[in-house]
PDB file of N, CA and C in Angstrom:
ATOM      1  N   MET A   1      18.478 -34.894 -35.470  1.00  0.00           N
ATOM      2  CA  MET A   1      19.301 -34.560 -34.424  1.00  0.00           C
ATOM      3  C   MET A   1      18.183 -33.772 -33.169  1.00  0.00           C
ATOM      4  N   ARG A   2      19.052 -33.960 -31.853  1.00  0.00           N
ATOM      5  CA  ARG A   2      18.536 -32.894 -31.132  1.00  0.00           C
ATOM      6  C   ARG A   2      20.005 -31.790 -31.202  1.00  0.00           C
ATOM      7  N   MET A   3      19.103 -31.003 -30.486  1.00  0.00           N
ATOM      8  CA  MET A   3      19.640 -29.752 -29.855  1.00  0.00           C
ATOM      9  C   MET A   3      19.901 -30.102 -28.147  1.00  0.00           C
ATOM     10  N   LEU A   4      20.574 -29.597 -26.985  1.00  0.00           N
ATOM     11  CA  LEU A   4      20.785 -29.800 -26.293  1.00  0.00           C
ATOM     12  C   LEU A   4      21.093 -28.401 -25.732  1.00  0.00           C
ATOM     13  N   ILE A   5      19.838 -27.920 -24.806  1.00  0.00           N
ATOM     14  CA  ILE A   5      19.629 -26.312 -24.747  1.00  0.00           C
ATOM     15  C   ILE A   5      20.679 -26.301 -22.996  1.00  0.00           C
ATOM     16  N   VAL A   6      21.091 -25.344 -22.488  1.00  0.00           N
ATOM     17  CA  VAL A   6      22.106 -25.602 -22.158  1.00  0.00           C
ATOM     18  C   VAL A   6      21.206 -24.292 -20.835  1.00  0.00           C
ATOM     19  N   MET A   7      21.050 -23.817 -20.353  1.00  0.00           N
ATOM     20  CA  MET A   7      20.648 -22.799 -19.424  1.00  0.00           C
ATOM     21  C   MET A   7      21.121 -22.375 -17.648  1.00  0.00           C
ATOM     22  N   PRO A   8      21.753 -21.618 -17.526  1.00  0.00           N
ATOM     23  CA  PRO A   8      22.130 -21.517 -16.327  1.00  0.00           C
ATOM     24  C   PRO A   8      20.951 -21.401 -15.365  1.00  0.00           C
ATOM     25  N   LYS A   9      21.138 -21.796 -14.340  1.00  0.00           N
ATOM     26  CA  LYS A   9      20.222 -21.925 -13.190  1.00  0.00           C
ATOM     27  C   LYS A   9      19.565 -20.606 -13.213  1.00  0.00           C
ATOM     28  N   GLN A  10      20.344 -19.364 -12.902  1.00  0.00           N
ATOM     29  CA  GLN A  10      19.323 -18.677 -12.477  1.00  0.00           C
ATOM     30  C   GLN A  10      18.486 -18.443 -13.653  1.00  0.00           C
ATOM     31  N   PHE A  11      18.425 -18.555 -15.179  1.00  0.00           N
ATOM     32  CA  PHE A  11      18.100 -18.585 -16.414  1.00  0.00           C
ATOM     33  C   PHE A  11      15.964 -19.261 -16.183  1.00  0.00           C
ATOM     34  N   LYS A  12      16.690 -20.218 -15.575  1.00  0.00           N
ATOM     35  CA  LYS A  12      15.161 -21.405 -15.488  1.00  0.00           C
ATOM     36  C   LYS A  12      14.757 -20.628 -14.340  1.00  0.00           C
ATOM     37  N   LEU A  13      15.519 -20.227 -12.717  1.00  0.00           N
ATOM     38  CA  LEU A  13      13.670 -19.030 -11.963  1.00  0.00           C
ATOM     39  C   LEU A  13      13.746 -18.325 -12.587  1.00  0.00           C
ATOM     40  N   MET A  14      13.970 -17.415 -13.362  1.00  0.00           N
ATOM     41  CA  MET A  14      13.392 -16.028 -14.703  1.00  0.00           C
ATOM     42  C   MET A  14      12.307 -16.557 -15.174  1.00  0.00           C
ATOM     43  N   LEU A  15      12.775 -17.946 -16.301  1.00  0.00           N
ATOM     44  CA  LEU A  15      11.474 -18.183 -17.006  1.00  0.00           C
ATOM     45  C   LEU A  15      10.755 -19.149 -16.210  1.00  0.00           C
ATOM     46  N   ILE A  16      11.072 -19.634 -15.148  1.00  0.00           N
ATOM     47  CA  ILE A  16       9.771 -19.818 -14.230  1.00  0.00           C
ATOM     48  C   ILE A  16       8.679 -19.053 -13.340  1.00  0.00           C
ATOM     49  N   VAL A  17       9.002 -18.576 -13.275  1.00  0.00           N
ATOM     50  CA  VAL A  17       8.766 -16.632 -12.917  1.00  0.00           C
ATOM     51  C   VAL A  17       7.921 -16.713 -13.545  1.00  0.00           C
ATOM     52  N   ASN A  18       9.044 -16.253 -14.278  1.00  0.00           N
ATOM     53  CA  ASN A  18       6.855 -15.710 -15.459  1.00  0.00           C
ATOM     54  C   ASN A  18       6.238 -15.906 -16.149  1.00  0.00           C
ATOM     55  N   VAL A  19       6.853 -17.718 -16.240  1.00  0.00           N
ATOM     56  CA  VAL A  19       5.626 -18.028 -16.658  1.00  0.00           C
ATOM     57  C   VAL A  19       4.581 -18.338 -15.653  1.00  0.00           C
ATOM     58  N   LEU A  20       4.360 -18.222 -14.963  1.00  0.00           N
ATOM     59  CA  LEU A  20       4.085 -18.225 -12.892  1.00  0.00           C
ATOM     60  C   LEU A  20       2.786 -17.305 -12.975  1.00  0.00           C
ATOM     61  N   LEU A  21       4.073 -15.894 -13.772  1.00  0.00           N
ATOM     62  CA  LEU A  21       3.049 -14.197 -14.057  1.00  0.00           C
ATOM     63  C   LEU A  21       2.309 -14.215 -14.174  1.00  0.00           C
ATOM     64  N   ILE A  22       2.161 -14.799 -15.733  1.00  0.00           N
ATOM     65  CA  ILE A  22       1.630 -15.277 -16.435  1.00  0.00           C
ATOM     66  C   ILE A  22       0.289 -16.041 -16.498  1.00  0.00           C
ATOM     67  N   LEU A  23       0.165 -15.905 -16.031  1.00  0.00           N
ATOM     68  CA  LEU A  23      -0.590 -17.656 -16.114  1.00  0.00           C
ATOM     69  C   LEU A  23      -1.403 -17.294 -14.230  1.00  0.00           C
ATOM     70  N   LEU A  24      -0.522 -16.282 -13.589  1.00  0.00           N
ATOM     71  CA  LEU A  24      -1.589 -15.379 -12.874  1.00  0.00           C
ATOM     72  C   LEU A  24      -2.589 -14.151 -13.814  1.00  0.00           C
ATOM     73  N   PHE A  25      -1.534 -13.816 -14.288  1.00  0.00           N
ATOM     74  CA  PHE A  25      -2.513 -12.507 -15.371  1.00  0.00           C
ATOM     75  C   PHE A  25      -4.360 -13.143 -15.571  1.00  0.00           C
ATOM     76  N   VAL A  26      -2.913 -14.149 -16.721  1.00  0.00           N
ATOM     77  CA  VAL A  26      -4.833 -15.111 -17.520  1.00  0.00           C
ATOM     78  C   VAL A  26      -5.488 -15.119 -16.526  1.00  0.00           C
ATOM     79  N   LEU A  27      -5.133 -15.944 -15.778  1.00  0.00           N
ATOM     80  CA  LEU A  27      -6.797 -16.442 -14.412  1.00  0.00           C
ATOM     81  C   LEU A  27      -6.938 -14.982 -14.111  1.00  0.00           C
ATOM     82  N   ALA A  28      -6.563 -14.152 -13.280  1.00  0.00           N
ATOM     83  CA  ALA A  28      -7.084 -13.290 -12.864  1.00  0.00           C
ATOM     84  C   ALA A  28      -8.344 -12.252 -13.504  1.00  0.00           C
ATOM     85  N   ASN A  29      -7.586 -12.239 -15.431  1.00  0.00           N
ATOM     86  CA  ASN A  29      -7.870 -11.068 -15.471  1.00  0.00           C
ATOM     87  C   ASN A  29      -9.106 -12.067 -16.698  1.00  0.00           C
ATOM     88  N   TYR A  30      -9.890 -13.515 -16.622  1.00  0.00           N
ATOM     89  CA  TYR A  30     -10.138 -14.428 -16.766  1.00  0.00           C
ATOM     90  C   TYR A  30     -11.519 -14.134 -16.030  1.00  0.00           C
ATOM     91  N   ALA A  31     -11.427 -14.211 -15.009  1.00  0.00           N
ATOM     92  CA  ALA A  31     -12.217 -13.984 -13.298  1.00  0.00           C
ATOM     93  C   ALA A  31     -13.273 -12.482 -13.218  1.00  0.00           C
ATOM     94  N   MET A  32     -12.700 -11.759 -13.538  1.00  0.00           N
ATOM     95  CA  MET A  32     -12.851 -10.034 -13.829  1.00  0.00           C
ATOM     96  C   MET A  32     -13.324  -9.888 -15.205  1.00  0.00           C
ATOM     97  N   TRP A  33     -12.979 -10.677 -16.288  1.00  0.00           N
ATOM     98  CA  TRP A  33     -14.009 -10.371 -17.714  1.00  0.00           C
ATOM     99  C   TRP A  33     -15.115 -11.774 -17.250  1.00  0.00           C
ATOM    100  N   ASN A  34     -15.043 -12.521 -16.222  1.00  0.00           N
ATOM    101  CA  ASN A  34     -16.179 -13.103 -16.473  1.00  0.00           C
ATOM    102  C   ASN A  34     -17.593 -12.689 -15.488  1.00  0.00           C
ATOM    103  N   MET A  35     -16.924 -12.293 -14.099  1.00  0.00           N
ATOM    104  CA  MET A  35     -17.727 -11.352 -13.404  1.00  0.00           C
ATOM    105  C   MET A  35     -18.195 -10.985 -14.498  1.00  0.00           C
ATOM    106  N   VAL A  36     -17.571  -9.344 -14.957  1.00  0.00           N
ATOM    107  CA  VAL A  36     -17.862  -8.139 -15.601  1.00  0.00           C
ATOM    108  C   VAL A  36     -19.728  -7.767 -16.365  1.00  0.00           C
ATOM    109  N   ASN A  37     -19.234  -9.612 -17.519  1.00  0.00           N
ATOM    110  CA  ASN A  37     -20.068 -10.111 -18.442  1.00  0.00           C
ATOM    111  C   ASN A  37     -20.820 -10.961 -18.053  1.00  0.00           C
ATOM    112  N   SER A  38     -20.727 -12.224 -16.853  1.00  0.00           N
ATOM    113  CA  SER A  38     -21.295 -13.155 -17.157  1.00  0.00           C
ATOM    114  C   SER A  38     -23.395 -12.907 -16.980  1.00  0.00           C
ATOM    115  N   ASN A  39     -23.311 -11.883 -16.314  1.00  0.00           N
ATOM    116  CA  ASN A  39     -24.807 -11.612 -16.020  1.00  0.00           C
ATOM    117  C   ASN A  39     -25.640 -10.605 -16.916  1.00  0.00           C
ATOM    118  N   THR A  40     -26.931 -10.852 -16.902  1.00  0.00           N
ATOM    119  CA  THR A  40     -27.701 -10.465 -17.315  1.00  0.00           C
ATOM    120  C   THR A  40     -28.337  -9.624 -16.932  1.00  0.00           C
ATOM    121  N   HIS A  41     -27.770  -8.183 -15.658  1.00  0.00           N
ATOM    122  CA  HIS A  41     -28.451  -7.597 -14.766  1.00  0.00           C
ATOM    123  C   HIS A  41     -28.434  -6.280 -16.024  1.00  0.00           C
ATOM    124  N   ILE A  42     -29.239  -5.771 -15.256  1.00  0.00           N
ATOM    125  CA  ILE A  42     -29.323  -3.896 -16.073  1.00  0.00           C
ATOM    126  C   ILE A  42     -28.199  -2.750 -14.617  1.00  0.00           C
ATOM    127  N   GLY A  43     -27.682  -2.828 -15.293  1.00  0.00           N
ATOM    128  CA  GLY A  43     -26.799  -2.254 -13.689  1.00  0.00           C
ATOM    129  C   GLY A  43     -25.511  -1.222 -14.732  1.00  0.00           C
ATOM    130  N   HIS A  44     -23.967  -1.221 -13.932  1.00  0.00           N
ATOM    131  CA  HIS A  44     -23.279  -0.319 -14.690  1.00  0.00           C
ATOM    132  C   HIS A  44     -22.019  -1.670 -13.469  1.00  0.00           C
ATOM    133  N   THR A  45     -21.406  -0.985 -14.804  1.00  0.00           N
ATOM    134  CA  THR A  45     -19.762  -1.018 -13.867  1.00  0.00           C
ATOM    135  C   THR A  45     -18.576  -0.249 -13.957  1.00  0.00           C
ATOM    136  N   THR A  46     -18.021   0.223 -12.813  1.00  0.00           N
ATOM    137  CA  THR A  46     -16.866   0.640 -12.345  1.00  0.00           C
ATOM    138  C   THR A  46     -15.648  -0.098 -12.523  1.00  0.00           C
ATOM    139  N   MET A  47     -14.968   0.271 -12.970  1.00  0.00           N
ATOM    140  CA  MET A  47     -12.985   0.438 -12.879  1.00  0.00           C
ATOM    141  C   MET A  47     -12.840   0.951 -12.168  1.00  0.00           C
ATOM    142  N   ASN A  48     -11.172   0.702 -11.462  1.00  0.00           N
ATOM    143  CA  ASN A  48     -10.599   1.695 -10.443  1.00  0.00           C
ATOM    144  C   ASN A  48      -9.194   0.761 -10.277  1.00  0.00           C
ATOM    145  N   PRO A  49      -8.234   1.029 -10.116  1.00  0.00           N
ATOM    146  CA  PRO A  49      -7.263   0.150  -9.703  1.00  0.00           C
ATOM    147  C   PRO A  49      -7.505   0.291  -8.762  1.00  0.00           C
ATOM    148  N   LEU A  50      -8.111  -0.008  -7.493  1.00  0.00           N
ATOM    149  CA  LEU A  50      -8.326  -1.445  -6.517  1.00  0.00           C
ATOM    150  C   LEU A  50      -8.970  -1.923  -6.466  1.00  0.00           C
ATOM    151  N   ASN A  51     -10.109  -1.896  -7.470  1.00  0.00           N
ATOM    152  CA  ASN A  51     -11.066  -2.296  -7.266  1.00  0.00           C
ATOM    153  C   ASN A  51     -11.969  -2.789  -8.640  1.00  0.00           C
ATOM    154  N   ILE A  52     -13.183  -4.357  -8.809  1.00  0.00           N
ATOM    155  CA  ILE A  52     -14.237  -3.145 -10.292  1.00  0.00           C
ATOM    156  C   ILE A  52     -15.399  -3.881  -9.117  1.00  0.00           C
ATOM    157  N   ILE A  53     -16.620  -2.819  -9.496  1.00  0.00           N
ATOM    158  CA  ILE A  53     -17.877  -2.569  -9.203  1.00  0.00           C
ATOM    159  C   ILE A  53     -18.533  -2.450 -10.103  1.00  0.00           C
ATOM    160  N   GLU A  54     -19.362  -3.980  -9.302  1.00  0.00           N
ATOM    161  CA  GLU A  54     -20.837  -4.159 -10.499  1.00  0.00           C
ATOM    162  C   GLU A  54     -21.750  -4.146  -9.803  1.00  0.00           C
ATOM    163  N   SER A  55     -22.899  -2.875 -10.065  1.00  0.00           N
ATOM    164  CA  SER A  55     -23.914  -1.550  -8.947  1.00  0.00           C
ATOM    165  C   SER A  55     -25.016  -2.959 -10.634  1.00  0.00           C
ATOM    166  N   MET A  56     -26.011  -3.023  -9.566  1.00  0.00           N
ATOM    167  CA  MET A  56     -26.579  -3.977  -9.877  1.00  0.00           C
ATOM    168  C   MET A  56     -28.431  -3.468  -9.791  1.00  0.00           C
ATOM    169  N   TRP A  57     -28.746  -3.386 -11.118  1.00  0.00           N
ATOM    170  CA  TRP A  57     -30.103  -2.201 -10.173  1.00  0.00           C
ATOM    171  C   TRP A  57     -31.935  -2.998 -10.761  1.00  0.00           C
ATOM    172  N   GLY A  58     -31.342  -4.207 -11.746  1.00  0.00           N
ATOM    173  CA  GLY A  58     -32.999  -4.954 -12.152  1.00  0.00           C
ATOM    174  C   GLY A  58     -32.033  -5.765 -12.775  1.00  0.00           C
ATOM    175  N   ASP A  59     -33.722  -6.584 -12.911  1.00  0.00           N
ATOM    176  CA  ASP A  59     -33.363  -7.410 -13.730  1.00  0.00           C
ATOM    177  C   ASP A  59     -34.585  -8.495 -14.520  1.00  0.00           C
ATOM    178  N   VAL A  60     -34.895  -8.392 -15.602  1.00  0.00           N
ATOM    179  CA  VAL A  60     -35.548  -8.790 -16.678  1.00  0.00           C
ATOM    180  C   VAL A  60     -35.950  -9.677 -16.974  1.00  0.00           C
ATOM    181  N   VAL A  61     -36.995 -10.695 -16.214  1.00  0.00           N
ATOM    182  CA  VAL A  61     -37.495 -11.840 -16.308  1.00  0.00           C
ATOM    183  C   VAL A  61     -39.208 -12.003 -16.695  1.00  0.00           C
ATOM    184  N   GLU A  62     -39.676 -12.384 -18.411  1.00  0.00           N
ATOM    185  CA  GLU A  62     -40.581 -12.532 -18.917  1.00  0.00           C
ATOM    186  C   GLU A  62     -41.056 -11.361 -19.023  1.00  0.00           C
ATOM    187  N   GLY A  63     -40.036 -10.713 -19.881  1.00  0.00           N
ATOM    188  CA  GLY A  63     -40.179  -9.022 -20.014  1.00  0.00           C
ATOM    189  C   GLY A  63     -40.681  -8.247 -19.120  1.00  0.00           C
ATOM    190  N   LYS A  64     -40.599  -8.348 -17.794  1.00  0.00           N
ATOM    191  CA  LYS A  64     -41.236  -7.384 -16.356  1.00  0.00           C
ATOM    192  C   LYS A  64     -39.420  -6.919 -15.843  1.00  0.00           C
ATOM    193  N   ILE A  65     -39.631  -5.895 -15.460  1.00  0.00           N
ATOM    194  CA  ILE A  65     -38.522  -5.649 -14.696  1.00  0.00           C
ATOM    195  C   ILE A  65     -38.022  -5.731 -12.802  1.00  0.00           C
ATOM    196  N   TYR A  66     -37.829  -7.011 -12.502  1.00  0.00           N
ATOM    197  CA  TYR A  66     -37.898  -6.813 -11.364  1.00  0.00           C
ATOM    198  C   TYR A  66     -36.304  -5.726 -10.530  1.00  0.00           C
ATOM    199  N   ARG A  67     -37.027  -5.213  -8.829  1.00  0.00           N
ATOM    200  CA  ARG A  67     -35.844  -4.757  -8.352  1.00  0.00           C
ATOM    201  C   ARG A  67     -34.863  -5.311  -8.229  1.00  0.00           C
ATOM    202  N   ILE A  68     -33.946  -5.501  -8.306  1.00  0.00           N
ATOM    203  CA  ILE A  68     -31.979  -6.393  -6.945  1.00  0.00           C
ATOM    204  C   ILE A  68     -31.063  -4.995  -6.102  1.00  0.00           C
ATOM    205  N   ASP A  69     -30.903  -3.910  -6.632  1.00  0.00           N
ATOM    206  CA  ASP A  69     -30.136  -3.290  -5.707  1.00  0.00           C
ATOM    207  C   ASP A  69     -28.728  -3.947  -4.585  1.00  0.00           C
ATOM    208  N   GLY A  70     -27.976  -5.121  -5.959  1.00  0.00           N
ATOM    209  CA  GLY A  70     -27.448  -5.616  -5.009  1.00  0.00           C
ATOM    210  C   GLY A  70     -25.974  -4.604  -5.702  1.00  0.00           C
ATOM    211  N   MET A  71     -24.526  -4.869  -5.295  1.00  0.00           N
ATOM    212  CA  MET A  71     -23.930  -4.785  -5.958  1.00  0.00           C
ATOM    213  C   MET A  71     -22.440  -5.859  -5.220  1.00  0.00           C
ATOM    214  N   GLY A  72     -21.329  -6.582  -6.240  1.00  0.00           N
ATOM    215  CA  GLY A  72     -20.053  -6.753  -6.398  1.00  0.00           C
ATOM    216  C   GLY A  72     -18.855  -6.720  -6.682  1.00  0.00           C
ATOM    217  N   ILE A  73     -18.419  -7.032  -5.774  1.00  0.00           N
ATOM    218  CA  ILE A  73     -16.989  -6.322  -5.354  1.00  0.00           C
ATOM    219  C   ILE A  73     -16.055  -6.907  -5.681  1.00  0.00           C
ATOM    220  N   MET A  74     -14.808  -7.137  -6.712  1.00  0.00           N
ATOM    221  CA  MET A  74     -14.024  -8.201  -6.849  1.00  0.00           C
ATOM    222  C   MET A  74     -12.498  -6.652  -6.860  1.00  0.00           C
ATOM    223  N   ARG A  75     -11.097  -7.710  -6.352  1.00  0.00           N
ATOM    224  CA  ARG A  75      -9.686  -6.577  -6.429  1.00  0.00           C
ATOM    225  C   ARG A  75      -9.509  -6.322  -8.064  1.00  0.00           C
ATOM    226  N   ASN A  76      -9.265  -5.389  -8.597  1.00  0.00           N
ATOM    227  CA  ASN A  76      -8.551  -5.543  -9.488  1.00  0.00           C
ATOM    228  C   ASN A  76      -7.209  -5.978  -9.487  1.00  0.00           C
ATOM    229  N   PHE A  77      -6.949  -8.395  -9.051  1.00  0.00           N
ATOM    230  CA  PHE A  77      -6.195  -8.225  -9.823  1.00  0.00           C
ATOM    231  C   PHE A  77      -4.904  -7.735 -11.037  1.00  0.00           C
ATOM    232  N   PRO A  78      -5.536  -8.248 -12.259  1.00  0.00           N
ATOM    233  CA  PRO A  78      -4.106  -7.487 -12.953  1.00  0.00           C
ATOM    234  C   PRO A  78      -3.532  -6.971 -13.497  1.00  0.00           C
ATOM    235  N   PHE A  79      -4.123  -5.651 -12.491  1.00  0.00           N
ATOM    236  CA  PHE A  79      -3.883  -4.662 -12.104  1.00  0.00           C
ATOM    237  C   PHE A  79      -3.055  -4.733 -12.038  1.00  0.00           C
ATOM    238  N   TRP A  80      -2.527  -5.097 -10.472  1.00  0.00           N
ATOM    239  CA  TRP A  80      -1.795  -5.625  -9.674  1.00  0.00           C
ATOM    240  C   TRP A  80      -0.168  -6.714  -9.544  1.00  0.00           C
ATOM    241  N   ILE A  81      -1.171  -7.668 -10.954  1.00  0.00           N
ATOM    242  CA  ILE A  81      -0.028  -8.488 -10.716  1.00  0.00           C
ATOM    243  C   ILE A  81       1.019  -8.442 -12.269  1.00  0.00           C
ATOM    244  N   PHE A  82       0.219  -6.607 -13.019  1.00  0.00           N
ATOM    245  CA  PHE A  82       1.107  -6.526 -14.286  1.00  0.00           C
ATOM    246  C   PHE A  82       1.944  -5.939 -13.584  1.00  0.00           C
ATOM    247  N   PHE A  83       1.835  -5.069 -12.485  1.00  0.00           N
ATOM    248  CA  PHE A  83       2.820  -4.015 -11.731  1.00  0.00           C
ATOM    249  C   PHE A  83       3.751  -5.624 -11.163  1.00  0.00           C
ATOM    250  N   VAL A  84       3.661  -6.212 -10.478  1.00  0.00           N
ATOM    251  CA  VAL A  84       4.254  -6.695  -9.830  1.00  0.00           C
ATOM    252  C   VAL A  84       5.406  -7.727 -10.886  1.00  0.00           C
ATOM    253  N   ALA A  85       4.958  -8.255 -12.179  1.00  0.00           N
ATOM    254  CA  ALA A  85       5.730  -8.641 -13.084  1.00  0.00           C
ATOM    255  C   ALA A  85       6.601  -7.560 -13.798  1.00  0.00           C
ATOM    256  N   ILE A  86       6.427  -5.936 -13.493  1.00  0.00           N
ATOM    257  CA  ILE A  86       7.365  -5.063 -14.581  1.00  0.00           C
ATOM    258  C   ILE A  86       8.244  -5.322 -13.080  1.00  0.00           C
ATOM    259  N   ALA A  87       7.982  -5.055 -12.299  1.00  0.00           N
ATOM    260  CA  ALA A  87       8.694  -4.801 -10.942  1.00  0.00           C
ATOM    261  C   ALA A  87      10.003  -6.468 -10.524  1.00  0.00           C
ATOM    262  N   VAL A  88       9.889  -7.598 -11.105  1.00  0.00           N
ATOM    263  CA  VAL A  88      10.328  -8.130 -10.711  1.00  0.00           C
ATOM    264  C   VAL A  88      10.940  -8.847 -12.321  1.00  0.00           C
ATOM    265  N   ASN A  89      10.664  -8.896 -13.212  1.00  0.00           N
ATOM    266  CA  ASN A  89      11.440  -8.364 -13.976  1.00  0.00           C
ATOM    267  C   ASN A  89      12.496  -7.367 -14.717  1.00  0.00           C
ATOM    268  N   LEU A  90      12.051  -6.692 -13.585  1.00  0.00           N
ATOM    269  CA  LEU A  90      13.297  -5.700 -14.043  1.00  0.00           C
ATOM    270  C   LEU A  90      14.668  -6.430 -12.255  1.00  0.00           C
ATOM    271  N   TYR A  91      13.857  -5.877 -11.422  1.00  0.00           N
ATOM    272  CA  TYR A  91      15.084  -6.997 -10.640  1.00  0.00           C
ATOM    273  C   TYR A  91      15.536  -8.094 -10.964  1.00  0.00           C
ATOM    274  N   PHE A  92      15.191  -9.101 -12.040  1.00  0.00           N
ATOM    275  CA  PHE A  92      15.891 -10.044 -12.787  1.00  0.00           C
ATOM    276  C   PHE A  92      17.270  -9.116 -13.865  1.00  0.00           C
ATOM    277  N   ILE A  93      16.686  -8.053 -14.532  1.00  0.00           N
ATOM    278  CA  ILE A  93      17.608  -7.386 -15.103  1.00  0.00           C
ATOM    279  C   ILE A  93      18.493  -6.841 -14.571  1.00  0.00           C
ATOM    280  N   TYR A  94      18.615  -6.184 -13.525  1.00  0.00           N
ATOM    281  CA  TYR A  94      19.257  -5.460 -12.492  1.00  0.00           C
ATOM    282  C   TYR A  94      20.062  -6.664 -11.975  1.00  0.00           C
ATOM    283  N   ARG A  95      19.683  -8.069 -11.725  1.00  0.00           N
ATOM    284  CA  ARG A  95      21.171  -9.588 -11.028  1.00  0.00           C
ATOM    285  C   ARG A  95      21.840  -9.688 -12.237  1.00  0.00           C
ATOM    286  N   LEU A  96      21.741  -9.322 -13.620  1.00  0.00           N
ATOM    287  CA  LEU A  96      22.008  -9.758 -14.598  1.00  0.00           C
ATOM    288  C   LEU A  96      23.713  -9.715 -15.163  1.00  0.00           C
ATOM    289  N   GLN A  97      23.194  -7.510 -14.448  1.00  0.00           N
ATOM    290  CA  GLN A  97      24.375  -6.947 -14.239  1.00  0.00           C
ATOM    291  C   GLN A  97      24.817  -7.190 -13.900  1.00  0.00           C
ATOM    292  N   ARG A  98      24.386  -7.350 -13.024  1.00  0.00           N
ATOM    293  CA  ARG A  98      25.675  -6.865 -11.435  1.00  0.00           C
ATOM    294  C   ARG A  98      25.933  -8.691 -12.087  1.00  0.00           C
ATOM    295  N   THR A  99      25.495  -9.530 -12.231  1.00  0.00           N
ATOM    296  CA  THR A  99      26.104 -10.980 -12.560  1.00  0.00           C
ATOM    297  C   THR A  99      27.533 -10.377 -14.004  1.00  0.00           C
ATOM    298  N   GLU A 100      27.650  -9.471 -14.844  1.00  0.00           N
ATOM    299  CA  GLU A 100      27.777  -9.783 -16.199  1.00  0.00           C
ATOM    300  C   GLU A 100      28.916  -8.562 -15.586  1.00  0.00           C
ATOM    301  N   THR A 101      28.799  -8.326 -15.071  1.00  0.00           N
ATOM    302  CA  THR A 101      29.549  -7.110 -14.773  1.00  0.00           C
ATOM    303  C   THR A 101      30.370  -7.617 -13.595  1.00  0.00           C
ATOM    304  N   LYS A 102      30.375  -8.486 -12.764  1.00  0.00           N
ATOM    305  CA  LYS A 102      32.031  -9.138 -11.341  1.00  0.00           C
ATOM    306  C   LYS A 102      32.279 -10.238 -12.658  1.00  0.00           C
ATOM    307  N   GLN A 103      31.419 -10.667 -13.427  1.00  0.00           N
ATOM    308  CA  GLN A 103      32.367 -11.355 -14.684  1.00  0.00           C
ATOM    309  C   GLN A 103      33.401 -10.653 -15.612  1.00  0.00           C
ATOM    310  N   THR A 104      34.944 -11.222 -15.280  1.00  0.00           N
ATOM    311  CA  THR A 104      35.701 -10.567 -16.559  1.00  0.00           C
ATOM    312  C   THR A 104      36.320 -11.017 -17.626  1.00  0.00           C
ATOM    313  N   PRO A 105      35.934 -10.585 -18.699  1.00  0.00           N
ATOM    314  CA  PRO A 105      36.207 -11.734 -20.207  1.00  0.00           C
ATOM    315  C   PRO A 105      38.314 -12.220 -19.184  1.00  0.00           C
ATOM    316  N   SER A 106      38.686 -13.385 -20.014  1.00  0.00           N
ATOM    317  CA  SER A 106      40.091 -13.677 -19.641  1.00  0.00           C
ATOM    318  C   SER A 106      40.374 -13.498 -21.297  1.00  0.00           C
TER     319      SER A 106
END
């Protein structure tokens, strides 16, 4: 038995937007953790709402420590995508509430 699910146009839009936001969040989160965990350098990672800053002081090669003094900076996209997703969903809730109040039961 097949069940046909009929969704209004605005529900399809909401679903597509939320799937895209989830995908963006997962990809940005993966990129962030890949940057933080991928290296074997001696250093320190600092995170704030704007940036993820990785300070690299040195590297160990064959038991010897070599000085690097490098820095990697990446925008903290997962933090901002999360708030964009919340704002978009609040907007969708507002739109749904307005369309429900416009429709009067007959």
